[in-house]
C-alpha atoms as a PDB file:
ATOM      1  CA  MET A   1    -122.144 115.550  29.964  1.00  0.00           C
ATOM      2  CA  SER A   2    -123.618 117.589  27.111  1.00  0.00           C
ATOM      3  CA  GLY A   3    -127.115 116.404  28.667  1.00  0.00           C
ATOM      4  CA  VAL A   4    -126.414 117.923  31.806  1.00  0.00           C
ATOM      5  CA  LYS A   5    -125.755 121.576  30.438  1.00  0.00           C
ATOM      6  CA  SER A   6    -128.798 121.103  27.643  1.00  0.00           C
ATOM      7  CA  ALA A   7    -131.323 120.040  30.132  1.00  0.00           C
ATOM      8  CA  PHE A   8    -130.400 122.224  33.611  1.00  0.00           C
ATOM      9  CA  ASP A   9    -128.692 125.426  32.879  1.00  0.00           C
ATOM     10  CA  SER A  10    -128.039 126.405  36.134  1.00  0.00           C
ATOM     11  CA  TYR A  11    -125.289 123.896  36.481  1.00  0.00           C
ATOM     12  CA  ILE A  12    -121.994 124.480  36.399  1.00  0.00           C
ATOM     13  CA  ARG A  13    -118.805 122.097  35.827  1.00  0.00           C
ATOM     14  CA  VAL A  14    -116.392 122.019  38.175  1.00  0.00           C
ATOM     15  CA  ALA A  15    -113.888 118.012  37.532  1.00  0.00           C
ATOM     16  CA  ASP A  16    -114.160 116.332  34.241  1.00  0.00           C
ATOM     17  CA  ARG A  17    -111.573 113.192  33.520  1.00  0.00           C
ATOM     18  CA  GLY A  18    -110.453 111.990  29.910  1.00  0.00           C
ATOM     19  CA  PHE A  19    -112.361 112.785  27.148  1.00  0.00           C
ATOM     20  CA  GLY A  20    -115.497 113.059  28.956  1.00  0.00           C
ATOM     21  CA  MET A  21    -115.666 109.891  30.894  1.00  0.00           C
ATOM     22  CA  SER A  22    -116.786 111.584  33.209  1.00  0.00           C
ATOM     23  CA  SER A  23    -117.777 114.710  34.957  1.00  0.00           C
ATOM     24  CA  LEU A  24    -118.817 116.602  38.421  1.00  0.00           C
ATOM     25  CA  TRP A  25    -121.714 119.066  38.142  1.00  0.00           C
ATOM     26  CA  LEU A  26    -122.793 121.838  40.863  1.00  0.00           C
ATOM     27  CA  GLY A  27    -126.262 122.519  40.861  1.00  0.00           C
ATOM     28  CA  ASP A  28    -128.129 124.661  43.709  1.00  0.00           C
ATOM     29  CA  GLU A  29    -129.486 122.116  45.957  1.00  0.00           C
ATOM     30  CA  HIS A  30    -127.619 118.787  44.677  1.00  0.00           C
ATOM     31  CA  LEU A  31    -124.160 117.496  43.345  1.00  0.00           C
ATOM     32  CA  VAL A  32    -124.379 115.782  40.173  1.00  0.00           C
ATOM     33  CA  TYR A  33    -121.932 112.893  38.984  1.00  0.00           C
ATOM     34  CA  VAL A  34    -121.715 112.015  35.597  1.00  0.00           C
ATOM     35  CA  ARG A  35    -120.530 108.482  34.394  1.00  0.00           C
ATOM     36  CA  GLY A  36    -119.497 107.290  31.108  1.00  0.00           C
ATOM     37  CA  THR A  37    -118.989 104.169  29.869  1.00  0.00           C
ATOM     38  CA  GLY A  38    -117.042 103.670  26.008  1.00  0.00           C
ATOM     39  CA  MET A  39    -113.917 104.065  24.467  1.00  0.00           C
ATOM     40  CA  LEU A  40    -112.296 107.395  23.955  1.00  0.00           C
ATOM     41  CA  MET A  41    -115.992 109.078  24.295  1.00  0.00           C
ATOM     42  CA  PRO A  42    -118.797 108.274  26.450  1.00  0.00           C
ATOM     43  CA  PHE A  43    -121.565 105.912  24.342  1.00  0.00           C
ATOM     44  CA  ARG A  44    -123.706 105.603  27.840  1.00  0.00           C
ATOM     45  CA  GLU A  45    -123.832 107.986  30.907  1.00  0.00           C
ATOM     46  CA  GLU A  46    -124.825 106.901  34.100  1.00  0.00           C
ATOM     47  CA  TYR A  47    -126.034 110.248  36.615  1.00  0.00           C
ATOM     48  CA  LYS A  48    -126.491 110.263  39.850  1.00  0.00           C
ATOM     49  CA  ARG A  49    -127.187 113.025  41.946  1.00  0.00           C
ATOM     50  CA  TYR A  50    -126.089 113.840  45.507  1.00  0.00           C
ATOM     51  CA  ARG A  51    -128.235 116.189  47.593  1.00  0.00           C
ATOM     52  CA  TYR A  52    -126.160 118.973  49.883  1.00  0.00           C
ATOM     53  CA  ARG A  53    -128.661 117.914  52.728  1.00  0.00           C
ATOM     54  CA  ASP A  54    -127.442 114.247  52.677  1.00  0.00           C
ATOM     55  CA  ILE A  55    -123.809 114.817  51.555  1.00  0.00           C
ATOM     56  CA  GLN A  56    -121.913 112.929  55.507  1.00  0.00           C
ATOM     57  CA  ALA A  57    -118.505 112.872  54.460  1.00  0.00           C
ATOM     58  CA  ILE A  58    -116.050 113.684  51.568  1.00  0.00           C
ATOM     59  CA  SER A  59    -112.335 111.833  51.711  1.00  0.00           C
ATOM     60  CA  VAL A  60    -109.720 112.959  49.774  1.00  0.00           C
ATOM     61  CA  ALA A  61    -105.735 110.201  49.487  1.00  0.00           C
ATOM     62  CA  LYS A  62    -102.928 111.056  47.918  1.00  0.00           C
ATOM     63  CA  THR A  63    -101.592 108.135  46.106  1.00  0.00           C
ATOM     64  CA  SER A  64     -98.097 107.080  44.355  1.00  0.00           C
ATOM     65  CA  ARG A  65     -97.742 108.540  41.159  1.00  0.00           C
ATOM     66  CA  VAL A  66     -94.422 106.818  40.316  1.00  0.00           C
ATOM     67  CA  ALA A  67     -96.213 104.019  38.152  1.00  0.00           C
ATOM     68  CA  GLY A  68     -96.893 106.386  36.273  1.00  0.00           C
ATOM     69  CA  PHE A  69     -93.556 108.763  36.144  1.00  0.00           C
ATOM     70  CA  VAL A  70     -91.501 104.857  35.582  1.00  0.00           C
ATOM     71  CA  SER A  71     -94.261 103.881  32.228  1.00  0.00           C
ATOM     72  CA  TYR A  72     -93.763 107.394  30.531  1.00  0.00           C
ATOM     73  CA  SER A  73     -90.254 107.288  31.142  1.00  0.00           C
ATOM     74  CA  LEU A  74     -89.349 103.886  30.069  1.00  0.00           C
ATOM     75  CA  GLY A  75     -91.557 104.527  27.254  1.00  0.00           C
ATOM     76  CA  VAL A  76     -89.235 108.095  26.192  1.00  0.00           C
ATOM     77  CA  MET A  77     -85.922 105.829  27.131  1.00  0.00           C
ATOM     78  CA  LEU A  78     -86.943 103.036  25.131  1.00  0.00           C
ATOM     79  CA  CYS A  79     -87.459 105.441  22.019  1.00  0.00           C
ATOM     80  CA  ALA A  80     -84.296 107.029  22.188  1.00  0.00           C
ATOM     81  CA  GLY A  81     -82.722 104.381  22.844  1.00  0.00           C
ATOM     82  CA  SER A  82     -83.938 102.446  19.901  1.00  0.00           C
ATOM     83  CA  MET A  83     -82.481 105.365  18.063  1.00  0.00           C
ATOM     84  CA  ALA A  84     -79.703 105.104  18.974  1.00  0.00           C
ATOM     85  CA  ILE A  85     -79.001 101.514  18.059  1.00  0.00           C
ATOM     86  CA  ILE A  86     -80.389 102.110  14.638  1.00  0.00           C
ATOM     87  CA  PHE A  87     -77.191 104.739  14.287  1.00  0.00           C
ATOM     88  CA  VAL A  88     -74.700 102.336  15.832  1.00  0.00           C
ATOM     89  CA  LEU A  89     -75.596  99.873  13.489  1.00  0.00           C
ATOM     90  CA  THR A  90     -76.401 101.147  10.171  1.00  0.00           C
ATOM     91  CA  GLY A  91     -73.988 104.586  10.615  1.00  0.00           C
ATOM     92  CA  TYR A  92     -74.973 108.478   9.694  1.00  0.00           C
ATOM     93  CA  GLU A  93     -74.284 107.889   6.087  1.00  0.00           C
ATOM     94  CA  ASP A  94     -77.321 105.586   5.528  1.00  0.00           C
ATOM     95  CA  ALA A  95     -79.812 107.802   3.769  1.00  0.00           C
ATOM     96  CA  SER A  96     -82.347 105.078   3.001  1.00  0.00           C
ATOM     97  CA  ILE A  97     -86.048 105.509   3.045  1.00  0.00           C
ATOM     98  CA  ALA A  98     -86.936 102.835   5.544  1.00  0.00           C
ATOM     99  CA  LYS A  99     -84.240 104.212   8.186  1.00  0.00           C
ATOM    100  CA  ILE A 100     -85.722 107.330   7.953  1.00  0.00           C
ATOM    101  CA  VAL A 101     -89.112 106.712   8.478  1.00  0.00           C
ATOM    102  CA  PHE A 102     -88.341 104.301  11.183  1.00  0.00           C
ATOM    103  CA  LEU A 103     -86.801 106.813  12.993  1.00  0.00           C
ATOM    104  CA  SER A 104     -89.705 109.650  12.171  1.00  0.00           C
ATOM    105  CA  LEU A 105     -92.238 106.992  14.161  1.00  0.00           C
ATOM    106  CA  LEU A 106     -89.478 106.654  16.822  1.00  0.00           C
ATOM    107  CA  CYS A 107     -89.109 110.404  17.606  1.00  0.00           C
ATOM    108  CA  LEU A 108     -93.118 110.896  16.778  1.00  0.00           C
ATOM    109  CA  ALA A 109     -93.437 108.212  19.681  1.00  0.00           C
ATOM    110  CA  ALA A 110     -90.717 109.899  21.960  1.00  0.00           C
ATOM    111  CA  GLY A 111     -92.687 113.155  21.826  1.00  0.00           C
ATOM    112  CA  ILE A 112     -95.713 111.092  22.807  1.00  0.00           C
ATOM    113  CA  PHE A 113     -94.847 109.783  25.827  1.00  0.00           C
ATOM    114  CA  ALA A 114     -92.553 112.754  27.003  1.00  0.00           C
ATOM    115  CA  ALA A 115     -96.166 115.331  26.393  1.00  0.00           C
ATOM    116  CA  GLY A 116     -97.752 112.610  28.810  1.00  0.00           C
ATOM    117  CA  LEU A 117     -95.063 112.767  31.211  1.00  0.00           C
ATOM    118  CA  ILE A 118     -95.134 116.733  31.540  1.00  0.00           C
ATOM    119  CA  ARG A 119     -98.555 116.394  31.339  1.00  0.00           C
ATOM    120  CA  HIS A 120     -98.450 113.858  34.542  1.00  0.00           C
ATOM    121  CA  LEU A 121     -96.312 116.227  36.134  1.00  0.00           C
ATOM    122  CA  ILE A 122     -98.171 119.810  35.864  1.00  0.00           C
ATOM    123  CA  LEU A 123    -100.994 117.821  36.755  1.00  0.00           C
ATOM    124  CA  GLY A 124     -99.500 117.132  40.238  1.00  0.00           C
ATOM    125  CA  PRO A 125    -100.041 114.401  42.608  1.00  0.00           C
ATOM    126  CA  THR A 126    -102.859 111.618  41.910  1.00  0.00           C
ATOM    127  CA  CYS A 127    -105.213 111.312  44.820  1.00  0.00           C
ATOM    128  CA  VAL A 128    -108.986 109.218  45.614  1.00  0.00           C
ATOM    129  CA  CYS A 129    -111.883 111.054  46.333  1.00  0.00           C
ATOM    130  CA  ASP A 130    -114.332 109.697  47.997  1.00  0.00           C
ATOM    131  CA  ILE A 131    -117.996 110.926  48.622  1.00  0.00           C
ATOM    132  CA  GLN A 132    -120.531 109.856  51.610  1.00  0.00           C
ATOM    133  CA  THR A 133    -124.007 109.455  52.168  1.00  0.00           C
ATOM    134  CA  ARG A 134    -126.474 108.036  54.703  1.00  0.00           C
ATOM    135  CA  LEU A 135    -127.324 105.269  51.828  1.00  0.00           C
ATOM    136  CA  SER A 136    -123.718 105.030  49.874  1.00  0.00           C
ATOM    137  CA  ARG A 137    -119.860 105.683  49.528  1.00  0.00           C
ATOM    138  CA  ASP A 138    -119.222 106.260  46.024  1.00  0.00           C
ATOM    139  CA  ARG A 139    -115.499 106.932  44.054  1.00  0.00           C
ATOM    140  CA  LEU A 140    -115.718 110.165  42.372  1.00  0.00           C
ATOM    141  CA  LYS A 141    -113.374 109.700  39.595  1.00  0.00           C
ATOM    142  CA  PRO A 142    -113.386 113.190  38.181  1.00  0.00           C
ATOM    143  CA  LEU A 143    -111.039 114.106  41.433  1.00  0.00           C
ATOM    144  CA  ASP A 144    -108.220 111.790  40.446  1.00  0.00           C
ATOM    145  CA  ARG A 145    -105.801 114.595  41.177  1.00  0.00           C
ATOM    146  CA  TYR A 146    -104.934 116.003  44.698  1.00  0.00           C
ATOM    147  CA  THR A 147    -104.634 119.397  44.316  1.00  0.00           C
ATOM    148  CA  LYS A 148    -108.279 119.292  41.661  1.00  0.00           C
ATOM    149  CA  ALA A 149    -109.888 117.755  44.503  1.00  0.00           C
ATOM    150  CA  GLN A 150    -108.766 120.187  46.908  1.00  0.00           C
ATOM    151  CA  ARG A 151    -110.545 123.016  45.374  1.00  0.00           C
ATOM    152  CA  VAL A 152    -113.529 121.299  44.070  1.00  0.00           C
ATOM    153  CA  VAL A 153    -114.512 119.799  47.850  1.00  0.00           C
ATOM    154  CA  GLY A 154    -113.457 123.766  49.119  1.00  0.00           C
ATOM    155  CA  GLN A 155    -116.085 124.930  46.525  1.00  0.00           C
ATOM    156  CA  LEU A 156    -118.710 122.014  47.558  1.00  0.00           C
ATOM    157  CA  GLU A 157    -117.938 122.672  51.502  1.00  0.00           C
ATOM    158  CA  GLY A 158    -119.506 125.928  51.234  1.00  0.00           C
ATOM    159  CA  LEU A 159    -122.633 124.566  49.790  1.00  0.00           C
ATOM    160  CA  VAL A 160    -123.511 121.813  51.965  1.00  0.00           C
ATOM    161  CA  ARG A 161    -122.332 123.632  55.237  1.00  0.00           C
ATOM    162  CA  GLU A 162    -125.148 126.384  54.054  1.00  0.00           C
ATOM    163  CA  VAL A 163    -127.351 123.828  53.493  1.00  0.00           C
ATOM    164  CA  GLN A 164    -126.945 121.603  56.345  1.00  0.00           C
ATOM    165  CA  GLU A 165    -126.850 125.041  58.611  1.00  0.00           C
ATOM    166  CA  ASP A 166    -130.274 125.836  56.737  1.00  0.00           C
ATOM    167  CA  LEU A 167    -131.480 122.599  57.864  1.00  0.00           C
ATOM    168  CA  THR A 168    -130.581 123.030  61.763  1.00  0.00           C
ATOM    169  CA  VAL A 169    -131.373 126.538  61.946  1.00  0.00           C
ATOM    170  CA  SER A 170    -134.341 127.284  60.079  1.00  0.00           C
ATOM    171  CA  ALA A 171    -136.369 128.895  62.822  1.00  0.00           C
ATOM    172  CA  SER A 172    -133.568 131.585  63.009  1.00  0.00           C
ATOM    173  CA  ARG A 173    -133.286 131.627  58.962  1.00  0.00           C
ATOM    174  CA  GLU A 174    -137.676 132.445  58.991  1.00  0.00           C
ATOM    175  CA  GLY A 175    -138.534 136.079  57.964  1.00  0.00           C
ATOM    176  CA  SER A 176    -135.319 136.479  56.324  1.00  0.00           C
ATOM    177  CA  ASP A 177    -135.628 138.041  52.770  1.00  0.00           C
ATOM    178  CA  GLN A 178    -131.884 137.872  51.633  1.00  0.00           C
ATOM    179  CA  PRO A 179    -132.523 135.117  48.866  1.00  0.00           C
ATOM    180  CA  LYS A 180    -129.777 132.950  48.218  1.00  0.00           C
ATOM    181  CA  ARG A 181    -127.151 133.554  45.681  1.00  0.00           C
ATOM    182  CA  PRO A 182    -127.645 131.135  42.504  1.00  0.00           C
ATOM    183  CA  VAL A 183    -124.727 128.317  42.482  1.00  0.00           C
ATOM    184  CA  LYS A 184    -122.590 129.813  39.571  1.00  0.00           C
ATOM    185  CA  THR A 185    -122.282 133.099  41.514  1.00  0.00           C
ATOM    186  CA  ARG A 186    -120.784 131.309  44.516  1.00  0.00           C
ATOM    187  CA  VAL A 187    -118.719 129.545  41.822  1.00  0.00           C
ATOM    188  CA  VAL A 188    -117.638 132.136  39.646  1.00  0.00           C
ATOM    189  CA  GLU A 189    -116.764 134.257  43.134  1.00  0.00           C
ATOM    190  CA  LEU A 190    -113.743 131.950  43.280  1.00  0.00           C
ATOM    191  CA  PHE A 191    -112.333 131.725  39.719  1.00  0.00           C
ATOM    192  CA  GLU A 192    -108.639 133.366  39.159  1.00  0.00           C
ATOM    193  CA  LEU A 193    -107.260 134.542  36.014  1.00  0.00           C
ATOM    194  CA  PRO A 194    -103.094 133.932  36.615  1.00  0.00           C
ATOM    195  CA  ARG A 195    -101.026 136.735  34.523  1.00  0.00           C
ATOM    196  CA  SER A 196     -99.289 133.944  33.071  1.00  0.00           C
ATOM    197  CA  VAL A 197    -102.008 132.996  31.783  1.00  0.00           C
ATOM    198  CA  THR A 198    -103.078 136.285  29.624  1.00  0.00           C
ATOM    199  CA  ILE A 199     -99.322 136.664  28.666  1.00  0.00           C
ATOM    200  CA  SER A 200     -99.159 132.905  27.074  1.00  0.00           C
ATOM    201  CA  PHE A 201    -102.212 133.705  24.785  1.00  0.00           C
ATOM    202  CA  GLY A 202    -100.378 137.093  23.797  1.00  0.00           C
ATOM    203  CA  PHE A 203     -97.467 135.034  23.121  1.00  0.00           C
ATOM    204  CA  SER A 204     -98.722 132.273  21.053  1.00  0.00           C
ATOM    205  CA  ALA A 205    -100.852 134.947  18.730  1.00  0.00           C
ATOM    206  CA  GLY A 206     -97.763 136.656  17.916  1.00  0.00           C
ATOM    207  CA  ILE A 207     -95.854 133.956  17.556  1.00  0.00           C
ATOM    208  CA  GLY A 208     -98.348 132.475  15.265  1.00  0.00           C
ATOM    209  CA  VAL A 209     -97.400 135.553  13.292  1.00  0.00           C
ATOM    210  CA  ILE A 210     -94.184 135.471  12.961  1.00  0.00           C
ATOM    211  CA  PHE A 211     -94.265 131.670  12.158  1.00  0.00           C
ATOM    212  CA  LEU A 212     -96.214 132.711   8.815  1.00  0.00           C
ATOM    213  CA  LEU A 213     -93.843 135.189   8.013  1.00  0.00           C
ATOM    214  CA  ALA A 214     -90.723 133.138   8.672  1.00  0.00           C
ATOM    215  CA  LEU A 215     -92.442 130.336   6.352  1.00  0.00           C
ATOM    216  CA  HIS A 216     -93.393 132.480   3.605  1.00  0.00           C
ATOM    217  CA  LEU A 217     -90.296 135.300   3.609  1.00  0.00           C
ATOM    218  CA  GLU A 218     -87.416 132.150   4.049  1.00  0.00           C
ATOM    219  CA  SER A 219     -85.609 134.956   6.046  1.00  0.00           C
ATOM    220  CA  LEU A 220     -82.976 133.889   8.847  1.00  0.00           C
ATOM    221  CA  PHE A 221     -84.400 136.426  10.800  1.00  0.00           C
ATOM    222  CA  PHE A 222     -87.494 135.354  11.069  1.00  0.00           C
ATOM    223  CA  THR A 223     -86.906 131.458  11.557  1.00  0.00           C
ATOM    224  CA  GLY A 224     -84.286 132.232  13.984  1.00  0.00           C
ATOM    225  CA  THR A 225     -86.534 135.122  15.831  1.00  0.00           C
ATOM    226  CA  ALA A 226     -89.618 132.190  16.182  1.00  0.00           C
ATOM    227  CA  LEU A 227     -87.358 129.337  17.357  1.00  0.00           C
ATOM    228  CA  ALA A 228     -86.167 131.447  19.930  1.00  0.00           C
ATOM    229  CA  LEU A 229     -89.319 132.715  21.330  1.00  0.00           C
ATOM    230  CA  LEU A 230     -90.799 128.938  20.892  1.00  0.00           C
ATOM    231  CA  VAL A 231     -88.889 128.577  23.866  1.00  0.00           C
ATOM    232  CA  GLY A 232     -89.689 130.581  25.646  1.00  0.00           C
ATOM    233  CA  LEU A 233     -93.308 130.237  24.610  1.00  0.00           C
ATOM    234  CA  SER A 234     -93.188 126.545  26.114  1.00  0.00           C
ATOM    235  CA  LEU A 235     -91.758 128.126  29.378  1.00  0.00           C
ATOM    236  CA  ASN A 236     -94.142 130.871  29.711  1.00  0.00           C
ATOM    237  CA  LEU A 237     -97.153 128.070  28.734  1.00  0.00           C
ATOM    238  CA  THR A 238     -95.644 125.423  31.658  1.00  0.00           C
ATOM    239  CA  LEU A 239     -95.804 128.434  34.624  1.00  0.00           C
ATOM    240  CA  ALA A 240     -99.428 129.056  32.610  1.00  0.00           C
ATOM    241  CA  LEU A 241    -100.749 125.273  33.099  1.00  0.00           C
ATOM    242  CA  ILE A 242     -99.055 125.300  36.751  1.00  0.00           C
ATOM    243  CA  LEU A 243    -100.708 127.695  37.609  1.00  0.00           C
ATOM    244  CA  SER A 244    -104.418 127.292  36.364  1.00  0.00           C
ATOM    245  CA  ILE A 245    -104.525 124.103  38.141  1.00  0.00           C
ATOM    246  CA  LYS A 246    -102.995 125.340  41.846  1.00  0.00           C
ATOM    247  CA  LYS A 247    -105.912 128.037  41.342  1.00  0.00           C
ATOM    248  CA  ALA A 248    -109.395 127.966  40.601  1.00  0.00           C
ATOM    249  CA  THR A 249    -109.118 128.510  36.770  1.00  0.00           C
ATOM    250  CA  PRO A 250    -112.306 128.595  34.479  1.00  0.00           C
ATOM    251  CA  ASP A 251    -112.056 124.987  32.644  1.00  0.00           C
ATOM    252  CA  GLY A 252    -112.637 126.530  28.942  1.00  0.00           C
ATOM    253  CA  ILE A 253    -109.390 128.414  29.550  1.00  0.00           C
ATOM    254  CA  ARG A 254    -107.189 125.466  31.176  1.00  0.00           C
ATOM    255  CA  SER A 255    -108.643 123.348  27.611  1.00  0.00           C
ATOM    256  CA  ILE A 256    -107.376 126.645  25.535  1.00  0.00           C
ATOM    257  CA  LEU A 257    -103.994 125.636  27.120  1.00  0.00           C
ATOM    258  CA  TRP A 258    -103.479 122.174  26.774  1.00  0.00           C
ATOM    259  CA  VAL A 259    -104.693 123.105  23.315  1.00  0.00           C
ATOM    260  CA  GLN A 260    -102.228 124.915  23.386  1.00  0.00           C
ATOM    261  CA  LEU A 261     -99.609 122.549  24.955  1.00  0.00           C
ATOM    262  CA  GLY A 262    -100.125 119.829  22.457  1.00  0.00           C
ATOM    263  CA  ILE A 263    -100.018 122.375  18.791  1.00  0.00           C
ATOM    264  CA  LEU A 264     -96.178 123.126  20.326  1.00  0.00           C
ATOM    265  CA  PHE A 265     -95.654 118.899  20.549  1.00  0.00           C
ATOM    266  CA  LEU A 266     -96.751 118.287  17.318  1.00  0.00           C
ATOM    267  CA  LEU A 267     -94.854 121.295  15.706  1.00  0.00           C
ATOM    268  CA  THR A 268     -91.730 120.102  17.670  1.00  0.00           C
ATOM    269  CA  ALA A 269     -92.365 116.340  16.697  1.00  0.00           C
ATOM    270  CA  SER A 270     -93.024 117.488  13.264  1.00  0.00           C
ATOM    271  CA  GLY A 271     -89.753 120.096  12.975  1.00  0.00           C
ATOM    272  CA  THR A 272     -88.172 116.862  14.164  1.00  0.00           C
ATOM    273  CA  ILE A 273     -89.002 114.516  11.564  1.00  0.00           C
ATOM    274  CA  TYR A 274     -88.395 117.033   8.998  1.00  0.00           C
ATOM    275  CA  TYR A 275     -84.695 118.322  10.251  1.00  0.00           C
ATOM    276  CA  LEU A 276     -83.929 114.485   9.832  1.00  0.00           C
ATOM    277  CA  LEU A 277     -85.420 113.909   6.669  1.00  0.00           C
ATOM    278  CA  VAL A 278     -83.766 117.085   5.002  1.00  0.00           C
ATOM    279  CA  ALA A 279     -80.763 116.263   6.818  1.00  0.00           C
ATOM    280  CA  THR A 280     -79.957 112.759   5.893  1.00  0.00           C
ATOM    281  CA  GLN A 281     -79.990 113.986   1.935  1.00  0.00           C
ATOM    282  CA  ASN A 282     -77.684 116.952   2.981  1.00  0.00           C
ATOM    283  CA  PRO A 283     -75.304 117.137   5.339  1.00  0.00           C
ATOM    284  CA  GLU A 284     -74.404 120.851   5.205  1.00  0.00           C
ATOM    285  CA  TYR A 285     -77.680 121.178   6.808  1.00  0.00           C
ATOM    286  CA  THR A 286     -75.829 119.702  10.074  1.00  0.00           C
ATOM    287  CA  ILE A 287     -73.087 122.142   9.871  1.00  0.00           C
ATOM    288  CA  GLY A 288     -72.820 124.766  13.156  1.00  0.00           C
ATOM    289  CA  ILE A 289     -76.044 126.502  14.164  1.00  0.00           C
ATOM    290  CA  SER A 290     -76.619 128.239  10.777  1.00  0.00           C
ATOM    291  CA  GLY A 291     -76.978 124.866   9.132  1.00  0.00           C
ATOM    292  CA  PRO A 292     -80.151 124.187  11.386  1.00  0.00           C
ATOM    293  CA  LEU A 293     -81.690 127.119  10.646  1.00  0.00           C
ATOM    294  CA  GLU A 294     -81.059 127.272   6.714  1.00  0.00           C
ATOM    295  CA  ALA A 295     -83.560 123.940   6.865  1.00  0.00           C
ATOM    296  CA  PHE A 296     -86.140 125.472   9.028  1.00  0.00           C
ATOM    297  CA  THR A 297     -85.540 128.609   6.525  1.00  0.00           C
ATOM    298  CA  ALA A 298     -85.982 126.544   3.938  1.00  0.00           C
ATOM    299  CA  VAL A 299     -89.123 124.313   4.675  1.00  0.00           C
ATOM    300  CA  ALA A 300     -91.434 125.866   2.241  1.00  0.00           C
ATOM    301  CA  SER A 301     -89.537 124.497  -0.551  1.00  0.00           C
ATOM    302  CA  GLU A 302     -86.890 121.421   1.330  1.00  0.00           C
ATOM    303  CA  GLY A 303     -90.157 120.390   3.310  1.00  0.00           C
ATOM    304  CA  GLY A 304     -92.667 119.609  -0.295  1.00  0.00           C
ATOM    305  CA  LEU A 305     -96.371 120.184  -0.380  1.00  0.00           C
ATOM    306  CA  VAL A 306     -96.477 117.841   2.734  1.00  0.00           C
ATOM    307  CA  GLY A 307     -94.165 120.313   5.064  1.00  0.00           C
ATOM    308  CA  TYR A 308     -95.634 123.130   4.116  1.00  0.00           C
ATOM    309  CA  LEU A 309     -99.278 122.231   4.635  1.00  0.00           C
ATOM    310  CA  THR A 310     -98.378 120.926   7.895  1.00  0.00           C
ATOM    311  CA  MET A 311     -96.030 123.847   9.368  1.00  0.00           C
ATOM    312  CA  LEU A 312     -99.098 126.006   8.278  1.00  0.00           C
ATOM    313  CA  GLY A 313    -101.323 124.073   9.491  1.00  0.00           C
ATOM    314  CA  LEU A 314     -99.627 124.405  13.379  1.00  0.00           C
ATOM    315  CA  SER A 315     -98.684 128.139  12.593  1.00  0.00           C
ATOM    316  CA  LEU A 316    -102.469 129.183  12.575  1.00  0.00           C
ATOM    317  CA  GLY A 317    -103.182 126.662  14.902  1.00  0.00           C
ATOM    318  CA  ILE A 318    -100.491 128.708  17.412  1.00  0.00           C
ATOM    319  CA  LEU A 319    -102.081 131.978  15.526  1.00  0.00           C
ATOM    320  CA  VAL A 320    -105.923 130.940  16.113  1.00  0.00           C
ATOM    321  CA  SER A 321    -105.891 129.389  19.205  1.00  0.00           C
ATOM    322  CA  GLY A 322    -103.896 132.473  21.270  1.00  0.00           C
ATOM    323  CA  ILE A 323    -106.858 134.485  19.470  1.00  0.00           C
ATOM    324  CA  VAL A 324    -109.362 132.737  20.705  1.00  0.00           C
ATOM    325  CA  GLY A 325    -107.667 132.456  24.813  1.00  0.00           C
ATOM    326  CA  LEU A 326    -107.572 136.003  24.649  1.00  0.00           C
ATOM    327  CA  ALA A 327    -111.568 136.938  23.333  1.00  0.00           C
ATOM    328  CA  SER A 328    -112.175 134.182  26.238  1.00  0.00           C
ATOM    329  CA  ALA A 329    -109.652 135.417  28.951  1.00  0.00           C
ATOM    330  CA  ARG A 330    -111.440 138.561  28.717  1.00  0.00           C
ATOM    331  CA  ARG A 331    -115.652 137.125  28.821  1.00  0.00           C
ATOM    332  CA  TRP A 332    -114.264 135.804  31.764  1.00  0.00           C
ATOM    333  CA  LYS A 333    -112.410 138.758  33.327  1.00  0.00           C
ATOM    334  CA  ALA A 334    -115.449 140.743  32.376  1.00  0.00           C
ATOM    335  CA  THR A 335    -117.683 138.128  33.854  1.00  0.00           C
ATOM    336  CA  ILE A 336    -115.548 137.722  37.198  1.00  0.00           C
ATOM    337  CA  ALA A 337    -115.801 141.706  37.712  1.00  0.00           C
ATOM    338  CA  LYS A 338    -119.423 141.480  37.914  1.00  0.00           C
ATOM    339  CA  VAL A 339    -119.759 138.563  40.140  1.00  0.00           C
ATOM    340  CA  GLU A 340    -117.452 140.754  42.712  1.00  0.00           C
ATOM    341  CA  SER A 341    -119.636 143.763  42.098  1.00  0.00           C
ATOM    342  CA  GLY A 342    -122.618 142.023  42.966  1.00  0.00           C
ATOM    343  CA  VAL A 343    -124.650 142.378  39.956  1.00  0.00           C
ATOM    344  CA  GLY A 344    -124.489 138.590  40.207  1.00  0.00           C
ATOM    345  CA  VAL A 345    -124.798 136.115  36.767  1.00  0.00           C
ATOM    346  CA  GLU A 346    -127.373 134.389  34.897  1.00  0.00           C
ATOM    347  CA  ALA A 347    -125.884 132.296  33.060  1.00  0.00           C
ATOM    348  CA  LEU A 348    -121.863 130.645  32.369  1.00  0.00           C
ATOM    349  CA  ASP A 349    -120.926 129.051  29.813  1.00  0.00           C
ATOM    350  CA  GLN A 350    -119.160 126.308  30.197  1.00  0.00           C
END
């Protein structure tokens, strides 16, 4: 994937799939499909080029996503059921190290399955997309979600129509002085930045600061504020991701949103594991609403060095991702405004 970008600066990536295993790139005259083979990361890449003038049809068909929903849901229920069975068999007063470790692992596994389920729902309906030329018919694996496929096919349709119309009416276009705009300019014209995206980035930066204050000042006020704002950030971030998928939002912006969602899940899982540990050692932390607040307020002292460094790293992650997101959103807004004003762009970084 990086080979395409470094070798052809005029290309723009419009879709990719899982760990960069496959991707689609638009050029001025053709579409490039990069297929990677490997595990977790591509060890080998194959490139296939489709000239716009040779494309005869692109078909998109919805598929069922019930299997994914059932798999993730069963994973969550299995972990939750196992935790309930452990509590029933051993009792709530048993605070052995083995029990705490096993419960923590189950809690982490449940969080991973829950994160996968939410991601599966946010991405929307699944689909298959095929491209047909005179010589071949291929499955475009990066276009595995219906909303994404519709967006990319819409971008590709304009390019294909323009090239094929030029072929059929080339005589009538002779003498035209109007130069063709680069493909990057035409793609960027379709980009949108939903307002909730910028709000989410600003929200993250602010919460990151509050989390750092709560971690070091050990104040119930800052802890309660941070936890309340965390709920708001989760809702706004989910909305921003849904809108960024439905609209033609730049891949870089969407990637930062996914990173933020991952950090939130890690923060939630780490906080749950920490609370299980301290609550079993000190039952006072389970009394009322103030008990959990006091437990999280004392994370720097009760959690030890590991707990402190974990929360510090995650808090910094939220802060940095928010700042990077704001900077990226500002850059893209300037680029989109530049294109809309007719200036155009020479090259864009993905």
